[in-house]
Amino acid sequence: MKSAGWKYSWLTYRRDALWFPLAFLALFAVILSILPHPAIRYSIARAYLGFIVPLIGGILAAYAILDDPALELRFATPVRAERTLAARLGLILAVESCCALAFQLFAAALGVDLSPLGGFFGVQLVWLVPTLALIALGCAGSLAGAQTVTGAFLVGGVWLVQLMMKGWFEANAKVLFVFLGVFTPGDPDLLLNRCVLLAGSAILLGLSSVLLRRQERFL
């Protein structure tokens, strides 16, 4: 039954949404290859992993549930809300993970040193934690507003505000700063920051599960 849910999600997944993260992967790979300076290459690689991958994940998550072309049929089947979320959001996370890992391999082939982000596992946390946070936010936002654009707008707004107000968040709301690990990977409050973001993601996913059970709102 679980494999059937994943298969359905793949078959009904919009292929243009799949090309979206792949297009950005190709774009940043080209940019990385034509810029020779090591410091600039590091900044480009950090920007793609820490900023672009989470943003794309959050936007795709906003469209993951309600953009289903067979939404009424989906609701008519006895599938738990948690399984639907796991299949839809899991597919997005899988695509984003493949893009992030492929980019890291390409960057390593060009000699880009990502060790300032904290070693291999530190690099994975730099993109994974913000991606999970924005995926949960995008999904919960679209379900709460019963519109895909609501979740996408919420993700884009949080992403932009946090980048523009970087100094304020680092001084006043460090635990809620989605990009703390990108800017200051050695910050002493980074562990607490990541725990708060992961806990918040879990809460938002739980809220999404509750909202998804109220199917009449989306039809």
N, C-alpha and C. Protein backbone atom coordinates (compact mmCIF):
# COMPACT_ATOMS: atom_id res chain seq x y z
N MET A 1 0.83 -1.20 0.00
CA MET A 1 0.00 0.00 0.00
C MET A 1 0.86 1.25 0.00
N LYS A 2 1.93 1.23 0.78
CA LYS A 2 2.82 2.38 0.84
C LYS A 2 3.50 2.61 -0.49
N SER A 3 3.97 1.52 -1.13
CA SER A 3 4.62 1.66 -2.44
C SER A 3 3.65 2.17 -3.48
N ALA A 4 2.38 1.80 -3.35
CA ALA A 4 1.38 2.28 -4.29
C ALA A 4 1.20 3.80 -4.15
N GLY A 5 1.27 4.29 -2.91
CA GLY A 5 1.16 5.72 -2.68
C GLY A 5 2.31 6.48 -3.32
N TRP A 6 3.52 5.95 -3.19
CA TRP A 6 4.68 6.57 -3.82
C TRP A 6 4.57 6.53 -5.34
N LYS A 7 4.09 5.39 -5.86
CA LYS A 7 3.94 5.26 -7.31
C LYS A 7 2.92 6.26 -7.83
N TYR A 8 1.80 6.42 -7.12
CA TYR A 8 0.79 7.38 -7.54
C TYR A 8 1.35 8.79 -7.52
N SER A 9 2.10 9.12 -6.47
CA SER A 9 2.67 10.46 -6.36
C SER A 9 3.62 10.74 -7.52
N TRP A 10 4.39 9.72 -7.90
CA TRP A 10 5.32 9.90 -9.02
C TRP A 10 4.57 10.06 -10.34
N LEU A 11 3.54 9.26 -10.54
CA LEU A 11 2.81 9.30 -11.81
C LEU A 11 2.03 10.61 -11.97
N THR A 12 1.56 11.18 -10.86
CA THR A 12 0.78 12.42 -10.94
C THR A 12 1.61 13.65 -10.66
N TYR A 13 2.91 13.46 -10.42
CA TYR A 13 3.79 14.60 -10.14
C TYR A 13 4.02 15.37 -11.43
N ARG A 14 3.83 16.68 -11.38
CA ARG A 14 3.99 17.50 -12.57
C ARG A 14 5.44 17.53 -13.00
N ARG A 15 5.70 17.14 -14.24
CA ARG A 15 7.07 17.07 -14.72
C ARG A 15 7.73 18.44 -14.84
N ASP A 16 6.92 19.50 -15.03
CA ASP A 16 7.52 20.83 -15.07
C ASP A 16 8.09 21.21 -13.71
N ALA A 17 7.46 20.72 -12.64
CA ALA A 17 8.00 20.97 -11.30
C ALA A 17 9.33 20.24 -11.12
N LEU A 18 9.47 19.08 -11.77
CA LEU A 18 10.72 18.35 -11.68
C LEU A 18 11.83 19.09 -12.42
N TRP A 19 11.51 19.70 -13.54
CA TRP A 19 12.52 20.43 -14.30
C TRP A 19 12.96 21.70 -13.57
N PHE A 20 12.12 22.22 -12.70
CA PHE A 20 12.43 23.46 -12.00
C PHE A 20 13.73 23.35 -11.18
N PRO A 21 13.85 22.38 -10.27
CA PRO A 21 15.11 22.26 -9.53
C PRO A 21 16.28 21.84 -10.41
N LEU A 22 16.02 21.04 -11.45
CA LEU A 22 17.10 20.63 -12.34
C LEU A 22 17.64 21.80 -13.14
N ALA A 23 16.76 22.73 -13.51
CA ALA A 23 17.19 23.91 -14.25
C ALA A 23 18.11 24.78 -13.41
N PHE A 24 17.76 24.95 -12.14
CA PHE A 24 18.61 25.74 -11.25
C PHE A 24 19.93 25.03 -10.97
N LEU A 25 19.89 23.71 -10.88
CA LEU A 25 21.12 22.95 -10.72
C LEU A 25 22.05 23.19 -11.90
N ALA A 26 21.52 23.10 -13.10
CA ALA A 26 22.32 23.32 -14.31
C ALA A 26 22.85 24.75 -14.36
N LEU A 27 22.00 25.71 -14.00
CA LEU A 27 22.41 27.12 -14.03
C LEU A 27 23.58 27.39 -13.11
N PHE A 28 23.48 26.92 -11.88
CA PHE A 28 24.55 27.18 -10.92
C PHE A 28 25.80 26.37 -11.23
N ALA A 29 25.63 25.22 -11.86
CA ALA A 29 26.80 24.45 -12.28
C ALA A 29 27.57 25.20 -13.36
N VAL A 30 26.84 25.82 -14.29
CA VAL A 30 27.49 26.61 -15.34
C VAL A 30 28.19 27.82 -14.73
N ILE A 31 27.50 28.52 -13.82
CA ILE A 31 28.09 29.69 -13.17
C ILE A 31 29.36 29.29 -12.42
N LEU A 32 29.28 28.18 -11.72
CA LEU A 32 30.44 27.72 -10.94
C LEU A 32 31.62 27.39 -11.85
N SER A 33 31.35 26.85 -13.01
CA SER A 33 32.43 26.42 -13.91
C SER A 33 33.11 27.59 -14.62
N ILE A 34 32.40 28.71 -14.79
CA ILE A 34 32.99 29.82 -15.54
C ILE A 34 33.65 30.86 -14.64
N LEU A 35 33.48 30.73 -13.33
CA LEU A 35 34.11 31.66 -12.40
C LEU A 35 35.35 31.01 -11.80
N PRO A 36 36.53 31.53 -12.09
CA PRO A 36 37.76 30.83 -11.70
C PRO A 36 38.21 31.07 -10.26
N HIS A 37 37.83 32.19 -9.65
CA HIS A 37 38.36 32.53 -8.34
C HIS A 37 37.79 31.60 -7.27
N PRO A 38 38.64 30.97 -6.43
CA PRO A 38 38.15 30.02 -5.41
C PRO A 38 37.15 30.63 -4.43
N ALA A 39 37.37 31.86 -4.00
CA ALA A 39 36.47 32.49 -3.03
C ALA A 39 35.09 32.71 -3.64
N ILE A 40 35.06 33.13 -4.91
CA ILE A 40 33.78 33.34 -5.58
C ILE A 40 33.07 32.01 -5.79
N ARG A 41 33.81 31.00 -6.16
CA ARG A 41 33.22 29.67 -6.34
C ARG A 41 32.61 29.15 -5.04
N TYR A 42 33.31 29.38 -3.94
CA TYR A 42 32.78 28.95 -2.65
C TYR A 42 31.48 29.69 -2.34
N SER A 43 31.45 31.00 -2.60
CA SER A 43 30.24 31.78 -2.32
C SER A 43 29.07 31.30 -3.18
N ILE A 44 29.34 30.98 -4.44
CA ILE A 44 28.28 30.51 -5.34
C ILE A 44 27.76 29.15 -4.86
N ALA A 45 28.68 28.26 -4.49
CA ALA A 45 28.28 26.93 -4.02
C ALA A 45 27.49 27.03 -2.72
N ARG A 46 27.92 27.89 -1.83
CA ARG A 46 27.21 28.08 -0.56
C ARG A 46 25.83 28.66 -0.81
N ALA A 47 25.73 29.59 -1.74
CA ALA A 47 24.43 30.22 -2.04
C ALA A 47 23.45 29.20 -2.62
N TYR A 48 23.93 28.36 -3.51
CA TYR A 48 23.03 27.36 -4.10
C TYR A 48 22.53 26.38 -3.04
N LEU A 49 23.45 25.84 -2.25
CA LEU A 49 23.06 24.84 -1.25
C LEU A 49 22.25 25.45 -0.12
N GLY A 50 22.67 26.60 0.37
CA GLY A 50 22.04 27.16 1.56
C GLY A 50 20.80 27.99 1.30
N PHE A 51 20.69 28.59 0.10
CA PHE A 51 19.58 29.49 -0.18
C PHE A 51 18.63 28.98 -1.26
N ILE A 52 19.19 28.52 -2.38
CA ILE A 52 18.36 28.16 -3.53
C ILE A 52 17.65 26.82 -3.32
N VAL A 53 18.36 25.82 -2.84
CA VAL A 53 17.74 24.50 -2.62
C VAL A 53 16.57 24.60 -1.64
N PRO A 54 16.72 25.28 -0.49
CA PRO A 54 15.56 25.41 0.41
C PRO A 54 14.40 26.18 -0.22
N LEU A 55 14.69 27.25 -0.96
CA LEU A 55 13.64 28.04 -1.58
C LEU A 55 12.83 27.21 -2.57
N ILE A 56 13.52 26.48 -3.42
CA ILE A 56 12.83 25.65 -4.41
C ILE A 56 12.00 24.58 -3.71
N GLY A 57 12.57 23.95 -2.68
CA GLY A 57 11.83 22.93 -1.94
C GLY A 57 10.56 23.48 -1.33
N GLY A 58 10.63 24.67 -0.74
CA GLY A 58 9.46 25.27 -0.13
C GLY A 58 8.38 25.61 -1.15
N ILE A 59 8.78 26.15 -2.29
CA ILE A 59 7.81 26.49 -3.33
C ILE A 59 7.14 25.24 -3.89
N LEU A 60 7.94 24.21 -4.16
CA LEU A 60 7.36 22.96 -4.67
C LEU A 60 6.41 22.34 -3.66
N ALA A 61 6.74 22.43 -2.37
CA ALA A 61 5.88 21.86 -1.34
C ALA A 61 4.54 22.58 -1.27
N ALA A 62 4.54 23.89 -1.58
CA ALA A 62 3.30 24.64 -1.57
C ALA A 62 2.31 24.12 -2.61
N TYR A 63 2.84 23.55 -3.68
CA TYR A 63 1.99 23.03 -4.76
C TYR A 63 1.83 21.51 -4.70
N ALA A 64 2.45 20.88 -3.73
CA ALA A 64 2.54 19.42 -3.73
C ALA A 64 1.20 18.73 -3.54
N ILE A 65 0.34 19.27 -2.71
CA ILE A 65 -0.92 18.60 -2.37
C ILE A 65 -2.08 19.10 -3.23
N LEU A 66 -2.32 20.39 -3.18
CA LEU A 66 -3.51 20.95 -3.82
C LEU A 66 -3.40 21.07 -5.33
N ASP A 67 -2.20 20.91 -5.86
CA ASP A 67 -2.01 20.99 -7.31
C ASP A 67 -2.20 19.63 -7.98
N ASP A 68 -2.67 18.66 -7.23
CA ASP A 68 -2.92 17.32 -7.76
C ASP A 68 -4.07 17.38 -8.77
N PRO A 69 -3.86 16.96 -10.04
CA PRO A 69 -4.94 17.02 -11.03
C PRO A 69 -6.10 16.09 -10.72
N ALA A 70 -5.87 15.11 -9.86
CA ALA A 70 -6.94 14.17 -9.50
C ALA A 70 -7.22 14.27 -8.00
N LEU A 71 -7.35 15.51 -7.52
CA LEU A 71 -7.48 15.74 -6.08
C LEU A 71 -8.75 15.10 -5.52
N GLU A 72 -9.87 15.24 -6.22
CA GLU A 72 -11.12 14.65 -5.74
C GLU A 72 -11.03 13.14 -5.66
N LEU A 73 -10.41 12.53 -6.66
CA LEU A 73 -10.22 11.08 -6.64
C LEU A 73 -9.30 10.68 -5.50
N ARG A 74 -8.30 11.48 -5.26
CA ARG A 74 -7.35 11.22 -4.17
C ARG A 74 -8.07 11.21 -2.83
N PHE A 75 -8.96 12.19 -2.63
CA PHE A 75 -9.70 12.28 -1.37
C PHE A 75 -10.72 11.15 -1.24
N ALA A 76 -11.14 10.60 -2.37
CA ALA A 76 -12.14 9.53 -2.32
C ALA A 76 -11.53 8.20 -1.92
N THR A 77 -10.22 8.08 -1.97
CA THR A 77 -9.55 6.84 -1.61
C THR A 77 -9.22 6.85 -0.12
N PRO A 78 -9.26 5.68 0.53
CA PRO A 78 -9.00 5.61 1.97
C PRO A 78 -7.50 5.66 2.30
N VAL A 79 -6.88 6.80 2.04
CA VAL A 79 -5.45 6.98 2.30
C VAL A 79 -5.29 8.00 3.41
N ARG A 80 -4.52 7.68 4.41
CA ARG A 80 -4.33 8.57 5.54
C ARG A 80 -3.60 9.84 5.11
N ALA A 81 -3.92 10.94 5.79
CA ALA A 81 -3.30 12.22 5.47
C ALA A 81 -1.78 12.16 5.64
N GLU A 82 -1.33 11.46 6.66
CA GLU A 82 0.11 11.36 6.90
C GLU A 82 0.83 10.66 5.75
N ARG A 83 0.18 9.65 5.18
CA ARG A 83 0.79 8.92 4.06
C ARG A 83 0.84 9.80 2.82
N THR A 84 -0.21 10.57 2.60
CA THR A 84 -0.21 11.49 1.46
C THR A 84 0.90 12.51 1.58
N LEU A 85 1.06 13.08 2.77
CA LEU A 85 2.12 14.05 3.00
C LEU A 85 3.50 13.43 2.81
N ALA A 86 3.67 12.22 3.36
CA ALA A 86 4.97 11.56 3.25
C ALA A 86 5.33 11.29 1.80
N ALA A 87 4.34 10.85 1.01
CA ALA A 87 4.62 10.53 -0.39
C ALA A 87 4.91 11.78 -1.20
N ARG A 88 4.09 12.81 -1.04
CA ARG A 88 4.25 14.04 -1.82
C ARG A 88 5.50 14.81 -1.42
N LEU A 89 5.65 15.06 -0.13
CA LEU A 89 6.80 15.84 0.33
C LEU A 89 8.09 15.02 0.27
N GLY A 90 7.96 13.71 0.48
CA GLY A 90 9.14 12.85 0.37
C GLY A 90 9.72 12.86 -1.03
N LEU A 91 8.85 12.93 -2.03
CA LEU A 91 9.32 12.98 -3.41
C LEU A 91 10.08 14.27 -3.68
N ILE A 92 9.56 15.38 -3.16
CA ILE A 92 10.25 16.66 -3.32
C ILE A 92 11.60 16.64 -2.63
N LEU A 93 11.63 16.11 -1.41
CA LEU A 93 12.89 16.05 -0.67
C LEU A 93 13.89 15.15 -1.38
N ALA A 94 13.42 14.08 -1.99
CA ALA A 94 14.32 13.18 -2.72
C ALA A 94 14.94 13.89 -3.92
N VAL A 95 14.12 14.62 -4.66
CA VAL A 95 14.63 15.37 -5.82
C VAL A 95 15.64 16.42 -5.38
N GLU A 96 15.31 17.16 -4.32
CA GLU A 96 16.20 18.19 -3.82
C GLU A 96 17.51 17.59 -3.30
N SER A 97 17.43 16.43 -2.66
CA SER A 97 18.62 15.76 -2.15
C SER A 97 19.55 15.36 -3.29
N CYS A 98 18.96 14.82 -4.35
CA CYS A 98 19.75 14.42 -5.52
C CYS A 98 20.44 15.63 -6.14
N CYS A 99 19.72 16.74 -6.23
CA CYS A 99 20.31 17.96 -6.80
C CYS A 99 21.45 18.48 -5.92
N ALA A 100 21.24 18.50 -4.62
CA ALA A 100 22.26 19.00 -3.70
C ALA A 100 23.50 18.12 -3.74
N LEU A 101 23.32 16.81 -3.74
CA LEU A 101 24.47 15.90 -3.77
C LEU A 101 25.19 15.96 -5.11
N ALA A 102 24.43 16.06 -6.20
CA ALA A 102 25.05 16.17 -7.52
C ALA A 102 25.87 17.45 -7.63
N PHE A 103 25.36 18.53 -7.08
CA PHE A 103 26.08 19.80 -7.12
C PHE A 103 27.37 19.71 -6.30
N GLN A 104 27.29 19.05 -5.16
CA GLN A 104 28.49 18.90 -4.33
C GLN A 104 29.57 18.09 -5.06
N LEU A 105 29.15 17.05 -5.76
CA LEU A 105 30.11 16.25 -6.53
C LEU A 105 30.75 17.08 -7.63
N PHE A 106 29.92 17.89 -8.30
CA PHE A 106 30.44 18.76 -9.35
C PHE A 106 31.39 19.79 -8.78
N ALA A 107 31.02 20.37 -7.63
CA ALA A 107 31.89 21.36 -6.99
C ALA A 107 33.21 20.73 -6.56
N ALA A 108 33.15 19.51 -6.04
CA ALA A 108 34.37 18.82 -5.62
C ALA A 108 35.27 18.55 -6.82
N ALA A 109 34.67 18.22 -7.96
CA ALA A 109 35.44 17.96 -9.17
C ALA A 109 36.17 19.21 -9.64
N LEU A 110 35.59 20.38 -9.34
CA LEU A 110 36.22 21.65 -9.71
C LEU A 110 37.18 22.14 -8.63
N GLY A 111 37.29 21.40 -7.54
CA GLY A 111 38.19 21.77 -6.47
C GLY A 111 37.65 22.79 -5.49
N VAL A 112 36.33 22.95 -5.46
CA VAL A 112 35.72 23.90 -4.53
C VAL A 112 35.74 23.31 -3.11
N ASP A 113 36.28 24.04 -2.17
CA ASP A 113 36.40 23.58 -0.79
C ASP A 113 35.21 24.05 0.02
N LEU A 114 34.36 23.11 0.43
CA LEU A 114 33.19 23.44 1.24
C LEU A 114 33.41 23.15 2.71
N SER A 115 34.62 22.83 3.10
CA SER A 115 34.91 22.47 4.49
C SER A 115 34.58 23.59 5.49
N PRO A 116 34.64 24.89 5.09
CA PRO A 116 34.24 25.92 6.07
C PRO A 116 32.80 25.78 6.57
N LEU A 117 31.98 25.03 5.84
CA LEU A 117 30.60 24.82 6.27
C LEU A 117 30.48 23.71 7.31
N GLY A 118 31.60 23.02 7.61
CA GLY A 118 31.57 22.05 8.70
C GLY A 118 31.83 20.62 8.32
N GLY A 119 32.55 20.35 7.26
CA GLY A 119 32.79 18.96 6.86
C GLY A 119 31.61 18.39 6.11
N PHE A 120 31.69 17.09 5.78
CA PHE A 120 30.66 16.47 4.94
C PHE A 120 29.27 16.56 5.57
N PHE A 121 29.14 16.14 6.82
CA PHE A 121 27.84 16.15 7.46
C PHE A 121 27.36 17.57 7.75
N GLY A 122 28.30 18.45 8.05
CA GLY A 122 27.94 19.84 8.25
C GLY A 122 27.36 20.47 6.99
N VAL A 123 27.95 20.14 5.85
CA VAL A 123 27.44 20.65 4.57
C VAL A 123 26.02 20.16 4.32
N GLN A 124 25.77 18.90 4.65
CA GLN A 124 24.42 18.35 4.43
C GLN A 124 23.39 19.07 5.32
N LEU A 125 23.78 19.37 6.54
CA LEU A 125 22.85 20.05 7.44
C LEU A 125 22.60 21.50 7.00
N VAL A 126 23.59 22.09 6.33
CA VAL A 126 23.45 23.47 5.87
C VAL A 126 22.27 23.63 4.93
N TRP A 127 22.06 22.64 4.05
CA TRP A 127 20.92 22.75 3.12
C TRP A 127 19.70 21.96 3.59
N LEU A 128 19.94 20.88 4.33
CA LEU A 128 18.82 20.00 4.69
C LEU A 128 17.88 20.65 5.71
N VAL A 129 18.41 21.24 6.76
CA VAL A 129 17.56 21.83 7.80
C VAL A 129 16.71 22.98 7.26
N PRO A 130 17.30 23.96 6.53
CA PRO A 130 16.45 25.00 5.94
C PRO A 130 15.45 24.46 4.93
N THR A 131 15.83 23.43 4.19
CA THR A 131 14.91 22.85 3.21
C THR A 131 13.71 22.22 3.90
N LEU A 132 13.95 21.47 4.97
CA LEU A 132 12.85 20.88 5.72
C LEU A 132 11.94 21.96 6.30
N ALA A 133 12.55 23.02 6.80
CA ALA A 133 11.76 24.10 7.40
C ALA A 133 10.85 24.77 6.37
N LEU A 134 11.40 25.08 5.20
CA LEU A 134 10.61 25.77 4.18
C LEU A 134 9.62 24.82 3.50
N ILE A 135 9.96 23.55 3.39
CA ILE A 135 9.00 22.57 2.86
C ILE A 135 7.78 22.49 3.78
N ALA A 136 8.04 22.39 5.07
CA ALA A 136 6.93 22.32 6.04
C ALA A 136 6.12 23.60 6.02
N LEU A 137 6.79 24.75 5.91
CA LEU A 137 6.10 26.03 5.88
C LEU A 137 5.24 26.17 4.62
N GLY A 138 5.80 25.79 3.47
CA GLY A 138 5.06 25.90 2.22
C GLY A 138 3.84 25.02 2.20
N CYS A 139 3.97 23.80 2.67
CA CYS A 139 2.85 22.87 2.69
C CYS A 139 1.77 23.35 3.65
N ALA A 140 2.16 23.71 4.87
CA ALA A 140 1.18 24.17 5.86
C ALA A 140 0.50 25.45 5.42
N GLY A 141 1.25 26.35 4.79
CA GLY A 141 0.69 27.61 4.33
C GLY A 141 -0.36 27.42 3.25
N SER A 142 -0.08 26.53 2.30
CA SER A 142 -1.04 26.30 1.22
C SER A 142 -2.30 25.61 1.74
N LEU A 143 -2.15 24.68 2.67
CA LEU A 143 -3.32 24.00 3.23
C LEU A 143 -4.13 24.92 4.15
N ALA A 144 -3.45 25.78 4.89
CA ALA A 144 -4.16 26.71 5.77
C ALA A 144 -4.95 27.73 4.97
N GLY A 145 -4.38 28.19 3.87
CA GLY A 145 -5.07 29.15 3.03
C GLY A 145 -5.92 28.53 1.96
N ALA A 146 -5.85 27.19 1.84
CA ALA A 146 -6.60 26.45 0.82
C ALA A 146 -6.26 26.92 -0.58
N GLN A 147 -5.05 27.47 -0.76
CA GLN A 147 -4.58 27.91 -2.06
C GLN A 147 -3.08 27.68 -2.14
N THR A 148 -2.63 27.17 -3.27
CA THR A 148 -1.20 26.91 -3.43
C THR A 148 -0.38 28.19 -3.38
N VAL A 149 -0.93 29.28 -3.92
CA VAL A 149 -0.16 30.52 -3.98
C VAL A 149 0.11 31.08 -2.59
N THR A 150 -0.77 30.77 -1.63
CA THR A 150 -0.56 31.25 -0.26
C THR A 150 0.72 30.66 0.34
N GLY A 151 0.89 29.36 0.17
CA GLY A 151 2.09 28.73 0.69
C GLY A 151 3.34 29.21 -0.01
N ALA A 152 3.28 29.37 -1.34
CA ALA A 152 4.44 29.84 -2.10
C ALA A 152 4.80 31.26 -1.69
N PHE A 153 3.80 32.11 -1.52
CA PHE A 153 4.05 33.50 -1.11
C PHE A 153 4.66 33.54 0.29
N LEU A 154 4.18 32.68 1.18
CA LEU A 154 4.70 32.64 2.55
C LEU A 154 6.16 32.22 2.56
N VAL A 155 6.48 31.20 1.79
CA VAL A 155 7.87 30.74 1.70
C VAL A 155 8.77 31.84 1.13
N GLY A 156 8.34 32.44 0.03
CA GLY A 156 9.14 33.51 -0.57
C GLY A 156 9.31 34.69 0.35
N GLY A 157 8.26 35.03 1.09
CA GLY A 157 8.33 36.16 2.01
C GLY A 157 9.29 35.91 3.16
N VAL A 158 9.20 34.74 3.77
CA VAL A 158 10.12 34.39 4.87
C VAL A 158 11.55 34.34 4.37
N TRP A 159 11.76 33.73 3.22
CA TRP A 159 13.09 33.63 2.61
C TRP A 159 13.69 35.01 2.39
N LEU A 160 12.92 35.90 1.80
CA LEU A 160 13.42 37.24 1.47
C LEU A 160 13.65 38.08 2.72
N VAL A 161 12.71 38.06 3.64
CA VAL A 161 12.82 38.87 4.86
C VAL A 161 14.03 38.44 5.69
N GLN A 162 14.23 37.13 5.80
CA GLN A 162 15.36 36.67 6.61
C GLN A 162 16.70 37.02 5.98
N LEU A 163 16.77 36.98 4.67
CA LEU A 163 18.03 37.37 4.02
C LEU A 163 18.27 38.87 4.13
N MET A 164 17.21 39.66 3.97
CA MET A 164 17.37 41.11 4.03
C MET A 164 17.63 41.59 5.46
N MET A 165 17.09 40.87 6.45
CA MET A 165 17.25 41.28 7.85
C MET A 165 18.21 40.34 8.59
N LYS A 166 19.23 39.90 7.90
CA LYS A 166 20.20 38.97 8.47
C LYS A 166 20.76 39.46 9.80
N GLY A 167 21.19 40.72 9.85
CA GLY A 167 21.78 41.25 11.07
C GLY A 167 20.81 41.25 12.23
N TRP A 168 19.55 41.62 11.96
CA TRP A 168 18.55 41.66 13.03
C TRP A 168 18.28 40.27 13.58
N PHE A 169 18.14 39.29 12.71
CA PHE A 169 17.87 37.93 13.18
C PHE A 169 19.04 37.38 13.97
N GLU A 170 20.26 37.66 13.55
CA GLU A 170 21.42 37.17 14.28
C GLU A 170 21.53 37.81 15.66
N ALA A 171 21.02 39.03 15.79
CA ALA A 171 21.12 39.73 17.06
C ALA A 171 19.92 39.49 17.98
N ASN A 172 18.73 39.26 17.40
CA ASN A 172 17.51 39.22 18.20
C ASN A 172 16.72 37.92 18.14
N ALA A 173 16.87 37.16 17.05
CA ALA A 173 16.07 35.94 16.91
C ALA A 173 16.90 34.85 16.25
N LYS A 174 18.05 34.60 16.83
CA LYS A 174 19.00 33.68 16.22
C LYS A 174 18.44 32.27 16.08
N VAL A 175 17.64 31.82 17.05
CA VAL A 175 17.13 30.45 17.00
C VAL A 175 16.11 30.26 15.88
N LEU A 176 15.53 31.36 15.39
CA LEU A 176 14.55 31.29 14.31
C LEU A 176 15.14 31.63 12.95
N PHE A 177 16.44 31.90 12.93
CA PHE A 177 17.10 32.30 11.68
C PHE A 177 17.37 31.05 10.83
N VAL A 178 16.63 30.91 9.75
CA VAL A 178 16.72 29.70 8.93
C VAL A 178 18.11 29.51 8.35
N PHE A 179 18.82 30.60 8.09
CA PHE A 179 20.10 30.53 7.38
C PHE A 179 21.31 30.74 8.29
N LEU A 180 21.15 30.50 9.56
CA LEU A 180 22.27 30.70 10.49
C LEU A 180 23.44 29.79 10.14
N GLY A 181 23.16 28.53 9.81
CA GLY A 181 24.23 27.60 9.48
C GLY A 181 24.95 27.94 8.19
N VAL A 182 24.30 28.69 7.31
CA VAL A 182 24.92 29.10 6.06
C VAL A 182 25.90 30.24 6.30
N PHE A 183 25.47 31.23 7.08
CA PHE A 183 26.29 32.41 7.31
C PHE A 183 27.37 32.20 8.37
N THR A 184 27.00 31.55 9.47
CA THR A 184 27.96 31.35 10.57
C THR A 184 27.93 29.89 11.02
N PRO A 185 28.57 28.99 10.26
CA PRO A 185 28.52 27.56 10.60
C PRO A 185 29.19 27.22 11.92
N GLY A 186 29.97 28.13 12.48
CA GLY A 186 30.62 27.86 13.75
C GLY A 186 29.94 28.53 14.93
N ASP A 187 28.74 29.04 14.73
CA ASP A 187 28.04 29.75 15.81
C ASP A 187 27.74 28.80 16.97
N PRO A 188 27.97 29.23 18.21
CA PRO A 188 27.71 28.34 19.37
C PRO A 188 26.24 28.00 19.57
N ASP A 189 25.35 28.81 19.00
CA ASP A 189 23.91 28.55 19.14
C ASP A 189 23.34 27.78 17.95
N LEU A 190 24.21 27.27 17.10
CA LEU A 190 23.74 26.61 15.89
C LEU A 190 22.96 25.33 16.20
N LEU A 191 23.42 24.57 17.18
CA LEU A 191 22.72 23.33 17.53
C LEU A 191 21.31 23.63 18.01
N LEU A 192 21.19 24.63 18.89
CA LEU A 192 19.86 25.02 19.37
C LEU A 192 19.00 25.52 18.21
N ASN A 193 19.59 26.29 17.34
CA ASN A 193 18.88 26.81 16.16
C ASN A 193 18.30 25.67 15.32
N ARG A 194 19.11 24.67 15.07
CA ARG A 194 18.65 23.55 14.25
C ARG A 194 17.59 22.73 14.96
N CYS A 195 17.73 22.57 16.25
CA CYS A 195 16.70 21.83 17.00
C CYS A 195 15.37 22.57 16.95
N VAL A 196 15.40 23.89 17.07
CA VAL A 196 14.18 24.69 17.02
C VAL A 196 13.56 24.61 15.63
N LEU A 197 14.38 24.71 14.59
CA LEU A 197 13.85 24.64 13.22
C LEU A 197 13.25 23.28 12.92
N LEU A 198 13.90 22.23 13.37
CA LEU A 198 13.36 20.88 13.14
C LEU A 198 12.08 20.66 13.93
N ALA A 199 12.05 21.16 15.16
CA ALA A 199 10.83 21.05 15.96
C ALA A 199 9.69 21.84 15.33
N GLY A 200 10.00 23.03 14.83
CA GLY A 200 9.00 23.83 14.15
C GLY A 200 8.50 23.15 12.88
N SER A 201 9.40 22.50 12.16
CA SER A 201 9.01 21.77 10.96
C SER A 201 8.06 20.64 11.30
N ALA A 202 8.36 19.93 12.39
CA ALA A 202 7.49 18.83 12.81
C ALA A 202 6.10 19.35 13.19
N ILE A 203 6.06 20.49 13.86
CA ILE A 203 4.77 21.07 14.25
C ILE A 203 3.97 21.48 13.01
N LEU A 204 4.64 22.09 12.05
CA LEU A 204 3.96 22.51 10.82
C LEU A 204 3.46 21.31 10.02
N LEU A 205 4.24 20.24 10.00
CA LEU A 205 3.79 19.03 9.31
C LEU A 205 2.61 18.40 10.03
N GLY A 206 2.62 18.45 11.35
CA GLY A 206 1.47 17.96 12.11
C GLY A 206 0.23 18.79 11.82
N LEU A 207 0.40 20.12 11.73
CA LEU A 207 -0.71 21.00 11.37
C LEU A 207 -1.21 20.68 9.96
N SER A 208 -0.29 20.41 9.05
CA SER A 208 -0.68 20.05 7.68
C SER A 208 -1.51 18.78 7.67
N SER A 209 -1.14 17.81 8.49
CA SER A 209 -1.89 16.57 8.57
C SER A 209 -3.31 16.81 9.06
N VAL A 210 -3.45 17.67 10.06
CA VAL A 210 -4.78 18.00 10.59
C VAL A 210 -5.62 18.72 9.53
N LEU A 211 -5.02 19.68 8.86
CA LEU A 211 -5.73 20.44 7.83
C LEU A 211 -6.14 19.57 6.65
N LEU A 212 -5.28 18.62 6.31
CA LEU A 212 -5.56 17.76 5.15
C LEU A 212 -6.75 16.85 5.39
N ARG A 213 -7.05 16.58 6.65
CA ARG A 213 -8.21 15.74 6.96
C ARG A 213 -9.53 16.46 6.70
N ARG A 214 -9.48 17.78 6.65
CA ARG A 214 -10.68 18.57 6.39
C ARG A 214 -10.80 18.78 4.88
N GLN A 215 -11.13 17.70 4.20
CA GLN A 215 -11.05 17.69 2.75
C GLN A 215 -12.06 18.61 2.08
N GLU A 216 -13.16 18.89 2.76
CA GLU A 216 -14.20 19.73 2.14
C GLU A 216 -13.70 21.14 1.85
N ARG A 217 -12.65 21.58 2.53
CA ARG A 217 -12.12 22.93 2.32
C ARG A 217 -11.42 23.07 0.97
N PHE A 218 -11.01 21.97 0.40
CA PHE A 218 -10.18 22.02 -0.79
C PHE A 218 -10.92 21.63 -2.07
N LEU A 219 -12.19 21.34 -1.96
CA LEU A 219 -12.96 20.89 -3.12
C LEU A 219 -13.92 21.98 -3.61
